[in-house]
PDB file of N, CA and C in Angstrom:
ATOM      1  N   UNK A   1     -22.832  -1.383  -1.568  1.00  0.00           N
ATOM      2  CA  UNK A   1     -21.657  -0.555  -1.652  1.00  0.00           C
ATOM      3  C   UNK A   1     -21.460   0.018  -3.048  1.00  0.00           C
ATOM      4  N   UNK A   2     -22.193  -0.476  -3.986  1.00  0.00           N
ATOM      5  CA  UNK A   2     -22.069   0.023  -5.352  1.00  0.00           C
ATOM      6  C   UNK A   2     -22.671   1.416  -5.437  1.00  0.00           C
ATOM      7  N   UNK A   3     -22.135   2.338  -6.100  1.00  0.00           N
ATOM      8  CA  UNK A   3     -20.933   2.289  -6.942  1.00  0.00           C
ATOM      9  C   UNK A   3     -19.675   2.807  -6.256  1.00  0.00           C
ATOM     10  N   UNK A   4     -19.717   3.083  -4.962  1.00  0.00           N
ATOM     11  CA  UNK A   4     -18.556   3.678  -4.299  1.00  0.00           C
ATOM     12  C   UNK A   4     -17.905   2.736  -3.293  1.00  0.00           C
ATOM     13  N   UNK A   5     -17.936   1.449  -3.559  1.00  0.00           N
ATOM     14  CA  UNK A   5     -17.375   0.460  -2.646  1.00  0.00           C
ATOM     15  C   UNK A   5     -15.905   0.669  -2.338  1.00  0.00           C
ATOM     16  N   UNK A   6     -15.173   1.272  -3.259  1.00  0.00           N
ATOM     17  CA  UNK A   6     -13.749   1.529  -3.029  1.00  0.00           C
ATOM     18  C   UNK A   6     -13.540   2.413  -1.803  1.00  0.00           C
ATOM     19  N   UNK A   7     -14.522   3.206  -1.433  1.00  0.00           N
ATOM     20  CA  UNK A   7     -14.408   4.054  -0.244  1.00  0.00           C
ATOM     21  C   UNK A   7     -14.373   3.234   1.041  1.00  0.00           C
ATOM     22  N   UNK A   8     -14.888   2.011   1.002  1.00  0.00           N
ATOM     23  CA  UNK A   8     -14.955   1.155   2.176  1.00  0.00           C
ATOM     24  C   UNK A   8     -13.853   0.103   2.204  1.00  0.00           C
ATOM     25  N   UNK A   9     -12.982   0.110   1.193  1.00  0.00           N
ATOM     26  CA  UNK A   9     -11.897  -0.868   1.127  1.00  0.00           C
ATOM     27  C   UNK A   9     -10.910  -0.601   2.250  1.00  0.00           C
ATOM     28  N   UNK A  10     -10.758  -1.583   3.130  1.00  0.00           N
ATOM     29  CA  UNK A  10      -9.883  -1.443   4.290  1.00  0.00           C
ATOM     30  C   UNK A  10      -8.492  -2.007   3.995  1.00  0.00           C
ATOM     31  N   UNK A  11      -8.451  -3.125   3.256  1.00  0.00           N
ATOM     32  CA  UNK A  11      -7.152  -3.714   2.942  1.00  0.00           C
ATOM     33  C   UNK A  11      -7.262  -4.616   1.716  1.00  0.00           C
ATOM     34  N   UNK A  12      -6.092  -4.891   1.148  1.00  0.00           N
ATOM     35  CA  UNK A  12      -5.980  -5.812   0.020  1.00  0.00           C
ATOM     36  C   UNK A  12      -4.781  -6.699   0.276  1.00  0.00           C
ATOM     37  N   UNK A  13      -4.927  -7.990  -0.003  1.00  0.00           N
ATOM     38  CA  UNK A  13      -3.819  -8.934   0.124  1.00  0.00           C
ATOM     39  C   UNK A  13      -3.913  -9.941  -1.007  1.00  0.00           C
ATOM     40  N   UNK A  14      -2.761 -10.384  -1.481  1.00  0.00           N
ATOM     41  CA  UNK A  14      -2.756 -11.432  -2.495  1.00  0.00           C
ATOM     42  C   UNK A  14      -1.964 -12.608  -1.950  1.00  0.00           C
ATOM     43  N   UNK A  15      -2.690 -13.548  -1.395  1.00  0.00           N
ATOM     44  CA  UNK A  15      -2.068 -14.789  -0.960  1.00  0.00           C
ATOM     45  C   UNK A  15      -2.133 -15.727  -2.166  1.00  0.00           C
ATOM     46  N   UNK A  16      -2.790 -16.842  -2.038  1.00  0.00           N
ATOM     47  CA  UNK A  16      -3.014 -17.706  -3.196  1.00  0.00           C
ATOM     48  C   UNK A  16      -3.980 -17.026  -4.157  1.00  0.00           C
ATOM     49  N   UNK A  17      -4.973 -16.326  -3.589  1.00  0.00           N
ATOM     50  CA  UNK A  17      -5.958 -15.576  -4.374  1.00  0.00           C
ATOM     51  C   UNK A  17      -6.064 -14.162  -3.813  1.00  0.00           C
ATOM     52  N   UNK A  18      -6.467 -13.193  -4.633  1.00  0.00           N
ATOM     53  CA  UNK A  18      -6.639 -11.834  -4.112  1.00  0.00           C
ATOM     54  C   UNK A  18      -7.791 -11.755  -3.114  1.00  0.00           C
ATOM     55  N   UNK A  19      -7.548 -11.000  -2.031  1.00  0.00           N
ATOM     56  CA  UNK A  19      -8.551 -10.827  -0.985  1.00  0.00           C
ATOM     57  C   UNK A  19      -8.727  -9.331  -0.704  1.00  0.00           C
ATOM     58  N   UNK A  20      -9.965  -8.905  -0.694  1.00  0.00           N
ATOM     59  CA  UNK A  20     -10.317  -7.519  -0.414  1.00  0.00           C
ATOM     60  C   UNK A  20     -11.116  -7.493   0.881  1.00  0.00           C
ATOM     61  N   UNK A  21     -10.757  -6.621   1.811  1.00  0.00           N
ATOM     62  CA  UNK A  21     -11.502  -6.497   3.058  1.00  0.00           C
ATOM     63  C   UNK A  21     -12.175  -5.135   3.086  1.00  0.00           C
ATOM     64  N   UNK A  22     -13.492  -5.152   3.272  1.00  0.00           N
ATOM     65  CA  UNK A  22     -14.297  -3.938   3.310  1.00  0.00           C
ATOM     66  C   UNK A  22     -14.850  -3.751   4.711  1.00  0.00           C
ATOM     67  N   UNK A  23     -14.994  -2.487   5.124  1.00  0.00           N
ATOM     68  CA  UNK A  23     -15.546  -2.179   6.433  1.00  0.00           C
ATOM     69  C   UNK A  23     -16.532  -1.020   6.302  1.00  0.00           C
ATOM     70  N   UNK A  24     -17.745  -1.220   6.841  1.00  0.00           N
ATOM     71  CA  UNK A  24     -18.774  -0.174   6.824  1.00  0.00           C
ATOM     72  C   UNK A  24     -19.753  -0.435   7.958  1.00  0.00           C
ATOM     73  N   UNK A  25     -20.048   0.584   8.725  1.00  0.00           N
ATOM     74  CA  UNK A  25     -21.040   0.460   9.784  1.00  0.00           C
ATOM     75  C   UNK A  25     -20.712  -0.592  10.822  1.00  0.00           C
ATOM     76  N   UNK A  26     -19.411  -0.827  11.082  1.00  0.00           N
ATOM     77  CA  UNK A  26     -19.005  -1.837  12.054  1.00  0.00           C
ATOM     78  C   UNK A  26     -18.996  -3.247  11.511  1.00  0.00           C
ATOM     79  N   UNK A  27     -19.351  -3.422  10.238  1.00  0.00           N
ATOM     80  CA  UNK A  27     -19.368  -4.740   9.602  1.00  0.00           C
ATOM     81  C   UNK A  27     -18.130  -4.847   8.718  1.00  0.00           C
ATOM     82  N   UNK A  28     -17.391  -5.949   8.876  1.00  0.00           N
ATOM     83  CA  UNK A  28     -16.226  -6.204   8.020  1.00  0.00           C
ATOM     84  C   UNK A  28     -16.476  -7.457   7.206  1.00  0.00           C
ATOM     85  N   UNK A  29     -16.272  -7.341   5.906  1.00  0.00           N
ATOM     86  CA  UNK A  29     -16.504  -8.444   4.975  1.00  0.00           C
ATOM     87  C   UNK A  29     -15.254  -8.632   4.129  1.00  0.00           C
ATOM     88  N   UNK A  30     -14.850  -9.885   3.956  1.00  0.00           N
ATOM     89  CA  UNK A  30     -13.715 -10.204   3.095  1.00  0.00           C
ATOM     90  C   UNK A  30     -14.210 -10.868   1.820  1.00  0.00           C
ATOM     91  N   UNK A  31     -13.737 -10.370   0.688  1.00  0.00           N
ATOM     92  CA  UNK A  31     -14.087 -10.938  -0.621  1.00  0.00           C
ATOM     93  C   UNK A  31     -12.833 -11.572  -1.207  1.00  0.00           C
ATOM     94  N   UNK A  32     -12.954 -12.832  -1.619  1.00  0.00           N
ATOM     95  CA  UNK A  32     -11.856 -13.558  -2.247  1.00  0.00           C
ATOM     96  C   UNK A  32     -12.287 -13.943  -3.653  1.00  0.00           C
ATOM     97  N   UNK A  33     -11.399 -13.725  -4.617  1.00  0.00           N
ATOM     98  CA  UNK A  33     -11.697 -14.053  -6.012  1.00  0.00           C
ATOM     99  C   UNK A  33     -10.780 -15.189  -6.440  1.00  0.00           C
ATOM    100  N   UNK A  34     -11.373 -16.256  -6.971  1.00  0.00           N
ATOM    101  CA  UNK A  34     -10.596 -17.434  -7.366  1.00  0.00           C
ATOM    102  C   UNK A  34     -11.072 -17.955  -8.714  1.00  0.00           C
ATOM    103  N   UNK A  35     -10.131 -18.425  -9.510  1.00  0.00           N
ATOM    104  CA  UNK A  35     -10.444 -19.084 -10.779  1.00  0.00           C
ATOM    105  C   UNK A  35     -10.224 -20.577 -10.620  1.00  0.00           C
ATOM    106  N   UNK A  36     -11.006 -21.362 -11.338  1.00  0.00           N
ATOM    107  CA  UNK A  36     -10.819 -22.808 -11.351  1.00  0.00           C
ATOM    108  C   UNK A  36      -9.963 -23.149 -12.562  1.00  0.00           C
ATOM    109  N   UNK A  37      -8.835 -23.777 -12.324  1.00  0.00           N
ATOM    110  CA  UNK A  37      -7.893 -24.096 -13.379  1.00  0.00           C
ATOM    111  C   UNK A  37      -8.535 -24.977 -14.453  1.00  0.00           C
ATOM    112  N   UNK A  38      -8.399 -24.549 -15.714  1.00  0.00           N
ATOM    113  CA  UNK A  38      -8.907 -25.329 -16.832  1.00  0.00           C
ATOM    114  C   UNK A  38     -10.382 -25.130 -17.115  1.00  0.00           C
ATOM    115  N   UNK A  39     -11.049 -24.257 -16.363  1.00  0.00           N
ATOM    116  CA  UNK A  39     -12.474 -23.997 -16.577  1.00  0.00           C
ATOM    117  C   UNK A  39     -12.704 -22.509 -16.783  1.00  0.00           C
ATOM    118  N   UNK A  40     -13.785 -22.192 -17.425  1.00  0.00           N
ATOM    119  CA  UNK A  40     -14.176 -20.799 -17.610  1.00  0.00           C
ATOM    120  C   UNK A  40     -15.096 -20.401 -16.446  1.00  0.00           C
ATOM    121  N   UNK A  41     -14.535 -20.490 -15.233  1.00  0.00           N
ATOM    122  CA  UNK A  41     -15.323 -20.271 -14.022  1.00  0.00           C
ATOM    123  C   UNK A  41     -14.547 -19.394 -13.051  1.00  0.00           C
ATOM    124  N   UNK A  42     -15.208 -18.402 -12.502  1.00  0.00           N
ATOM    125  CA  UNK A  42     -14.629 -17.555 -11.462  1.00  0.00           C
ATOM    126  C   UNK A  42     -15.520 -17.624 -10.231  1.00  0.00           C
ATOM    127  N   UNK A  43     -14.905 -17.864  -9.081  1.00  0.00           N
ATOM    128  CA  UNK A  43     -15.632 -17.898  -7.816  1.00  0.00           C
ATOM    129  C   UNK A  43     -15.368 -16.606  -7.057  1.00  0.00           C
ATOM    130  N   UNK A  44     -16.405 -16.044  -6.487  1.00  0.00           N
ATOM    131  CA  UNK A  44     -16.263 -14.887  -5.611  1.00  0.00           C
ATOM    132  C   UNK A  44     -16.852 -15.295  -4.270  1.00  0.00           C
ATOM    133  N   UNK A  45     -15.992 -15.369  -3.271  1.00  0.00           N
ATOM    134  CA  UNK A  45     -16.387 -15.842  -1.951  1.00  0.00           C
ATOM    135  C   UNK A  45     -16.438 -14.662  -0.985  1.00  0.00           C
ATOM    136  N   UNK A  46     -17.482 -14.581  -0.190  1.00  0.00           N
ATOM    137  CA  UNK A  46     -17.633 -13.531   0.813  1.00  0.00           C
ATOM    138  C   UNK A  46     -17.647 -14.157   2.192  1.00  0.00           C
ATOM    139  N   UNK A  47     -16.864 -13.587   3.111  1.00  0.00           N
ATOM    140  CA  UNK A  47     -16.825 -14.058   4.489  1.00  0.00           C
ATOM    141  C   UNK A  47     -17.022 -12.867   5.413  1.00  0.00           C
ATOM    142  N   UNK A  48     -17.977 -12.979   6.321  1.00  0.00           N
ATOM    143  CA  UNK A  48     -18.203 -11.926   7.302  1.00  0.00           C
ATOM    144  C   UNK A  48     -17.170 -12.107   8.413  1.00  0.00           C
ATOM    145  N   UNK A  49     -16.313 -11.113   8.584  1.00  0.00           N
ATOM    146  CA  UNK A  49     -15.261 -11.181   9.596  1.00  0.00           C
ATOM    147  C   UNK A  49     -15.724 -10.609  10.930  1.00  0.00           C
ATOM    148  N   UNK A  50     -16.587  -9.607  10.865  1.00  0.00           N
ATOM    149  CA  UNK A  50     -17.044  -8.939  12.083  1.00  0.00           C
ATOM    150  C   UNK A  50     -18.407  -8.312  11.821  1.00  0.00           C
ATOM    151  N   UNK A  51     -19.300  -8.461  12.777  1.00  0.00           N
ATOM    152  CA  UNK A  51     -20.624  -7.868  12.642  1.00  0.00           C
ATOM    153  C   UNK A  51     -21.239  -7.653  14.016  1.00  0.00           C
ATOM    154  N   UNK A  52     -21.510  -6.388  14.390  1.00  0.00           N
ATOM    155  CA  UNK A  52     -22.120  -6.130  15.694  1.00  0.00           C
ATOM    156  C   UNK A  52     -23.627  -6.395  15.705  1.00  0.00           C
ATOM    157  N   UNK A  53     -24.215  -6.527  14.526  1.00  0.00           N
ATOM    158  CA  UNK A  53     -25.654  -6.739  14.407  1.00  0.00           C
ATOM    159  C   UNK A  53     -25.936  -7.784  13.337  1.00  0.00           C
ATOM    160  N   UNK A  54     -27.119  -8.336  13.375  1.00  0.00           N
ATOM    161  CA  UNK A  54     -27.571  -9.263  12.338  1.00  0.00           C
ATOM    162  C   UNK A  54     -27.852  -8.462  11.068  1.00  0.00           C
ATOM    163  N   UNK A  55     -27.446  -9.001   9.920  1.00  0.00           N
ATOM    164  CA  UNK A  55     -27.714  -8.328   8.655  1.00  0.00           C
ATOM    165  C   UNK A  55     -27.809  -9.356   7.545  1.00  0.00           C
ATOM    166  N   UNK A  56     -28.314  -8.928   6.404  1.00  0.00           N
ATOM    167  CA  UNK A  56     -28.395  -9.791   5.233  1.00  0.00           C
ATOM    168  C   UNK A  56     -27.486  -9.223   4.149  1.00  0.00           C
ATOM    169  N   UNK A  57     -26.625 -10.050   3.612  1.00  0.00           N
ATOM    170  CA  UNK A  57     -25.765  -9.672   2.509  1.00  0.00           C
ATOM    171  C   UNK A  57     -26.481 -10.046   1.227  1.00  0.00           C
ATOM    172  N   UNK A  58     -26.762  -9.064   0.402  1.00  0.00           N
ATOM    173  CA  UNK A  58     -27.471  -9.307  -0.847  1.00  0.00           C
ATOM    174  C   UNK A  58     -26.593  -8.874  -2.005  1.00  0.00           C
ATOM    175  N   UNK A  59     -26.385  -9.777  -2.951  1.00  0.00           N
ATOM    176  CA  UNK A  59     -25.554  -9.513  -4.116  1.00  0.00           C
ATOM    177  C   UNK A  59     -26.432  -9.491  -5.350  1.00  0.00           C
ATOM    178  N   UNK A  60     -26.170  -8.541  -6.219  1.00  0.00           N
ATOM    179  CA  UNK A  60     -26.973  -8.430  -7.433  1.00  0.00           C
ATOM    180  C   UNK A  60     -26.067  -8.221  -8.636  1.00  0.00           C
ATOM    181  N   UNK A  61     -26.310  -9.000  -9.658  1.00  0.00           N
ATOM    182  CA  UNK A  61     -25.629  -8.819 -10.939  1.00  0.00           C
ATOM    183  C   UNK A  61     -26.408  -9.604 -11.982  1.00  0.00           C
ATOM    184  N   UNK A  62     -26.555  -9.050 -13.138  1.00  0.00           N
ATOM    185  CA  UNK A  62     -27.411  -9.686 -14.143  1.00  0.00           C
ATOM    186  C   UNK A  62     -26.819 -10.947 -14.758  1.00  0.00           C
ATOM    187  N   UNK A  63     -25.498 -11.144 -14.692  1.00  0.00           N
ATOM    188  CA  UNK A  63     -24.883 -12.297 -15.351  1.00  0.00           C
ATOM    189  C   UNK A  63     -24.324 -13.331 -14.376  1.00  0.00           C
ATOM    190  N   UNK A  64     -24.723 -13.266 -13.120  1.00  0.00           N
ATOM    191  CA  UNK A  64     -24.178 -14.187 -12.133  1.00  0.00           C
ATOM    192  C   UNK A  64     -25.259 -15.052 -11.514  1.00  0.00           C
ATOM    193  N   UNK A  65     -24.860 -16.231 -11.098  1.00  0.00           N
ATOM    194  CA  UNK A  65     -25.715 -17.058 -10.248  1.00  0.00           C
ATOM    195  C   UNK A  65     -25.347 -16.671  -8.819  1.00  0.00           C
ATOM    196  N   UNK A  66     -26.322 -16.243  -8.070  1.00  0.00           N
ATOM    197  CA  UNK A  66     -26.041 -15.695  -6.750  1.00  0.00           C
ATOM    198  C   UNK A  66     -26.688 -16.551  -5.672  1.00  0.00           C
ATOM    199  N   UNK A  67     -25.875 -16.938  -4.715  1.00  0.00           N
ATOM    200  CA  UNK A  67     -26.359 -17.644  -3.539  1.00  0.00           C
ATOM    201  C   UNK A  67     -26.155 -16.710  -2.362  1.00  0.00           C
ATOM    202  N   UNK A  68     -27.148 -16.549  -1.531  1.00  0.00           N
ATOM    203  CA  UNK A  68     -26.978 -15.683  -0.379  1.00  0.00           C
ATOM    204  C   UNK A  68     -27.642 -16.309   0.825  1.00  0.00           C
ATOM    205  N   UNK A  69     -27.250 -15.818   1.955  1.00  0.00           N
ATOM    206  CA  UNK A  69     -27.827 -16.367   3.179  1.00  0.00           C
ATOM    207  C   UNK A  69     -27.825 -15.321   4.259  1.00  0.00           C
ATOM    208  N   UNK A  70     -28.401 -15.701   5.366  1.00  0.00           N
ATOM    209  CA  UNK A  70     -28.392 -14.822   6.511  1.00  0.00           C
ATOM    210  C   UNK A  70     -28.117 -15.656   7.747  1.00  0.00           C
ATOM    211  N   UNK A  71     -27.673 -14.994   8.777  1.00  0.00           N
ATOM    212  CA  UNK A  71     -27.337 -15.692   9.999  1.00  0.00           C
ATOM    213  C   UNK A  71     -27.844 -14.901  11.189  1.00  0.00           C
ATOM    214  N   UNK A  72     -28.217 -15.604  12.217  1.00  0.00           N
ATOM    215  CA  UNK A  72     -28.604 -14.963  13.465  1.00  0.00           C
ATOM    216  C   UNK A  72     -27.383 -14.675  14.329  1.00  0.00           C
ATOM    217  N   UNK A  73     -26.239 -15.118  13.888  1.00  0.00           N
ATOM    218  CA  UNK A  73     -25.019 -15.022  14.695  1.00  0.00           C
ATOM    219  C   UNK A  73     -24.384 -13.649  14.575  1.00  0.00           C
ATOM    220  N   UNK A  74     -23.950 -13.093  15.703  1.00  0.00           N
ATOM    221  CA  UNK A  74     -23.175 -11.864  15.741  1.00  0.00           C
ATOM    222  C   UNK A  74     -21.723 -12.290  15.895  1.00  0.00           C
ATOM    223  N   UNK A  75     -20.840 -11.745  15.039  1.00  0.00           N
ATOM    224  CA  UNK A  75     -19.439 -12.156  15.032  1.00  0.00           C
ATOM    225  C   UNK A  75     -18.581 -11.024  15.587  1.00  0.00           C
ATOM    226  N   UNK A  76     -17.755 -11.329  16.600  1.00  0.00           N
ATOM    227  CA  UNK A  76     -16.849 -10.323  17.194  1.00  0.00           C
ATOM    228  C   UNK A  76     -15.467 -10.475  16.624  1.00  0.00           C
TER     229      UNK A  76
END
């Protein structure tokens, strides 16, 4: 989605942590950003909310430790 990910932003909510919901090609992904109190650590969590097809979410950034996975599951 880089560099125009803002075009796919479907909603924003701030519960305990800010949550961004993106939608593209029938796939909806929620991103949550959280800080750990007392640490210099930020967590960015991605949750697939809806997916009509199998896909791989790949994240890239030069200063991050990135964990990614794939699933055979289709989520309605």
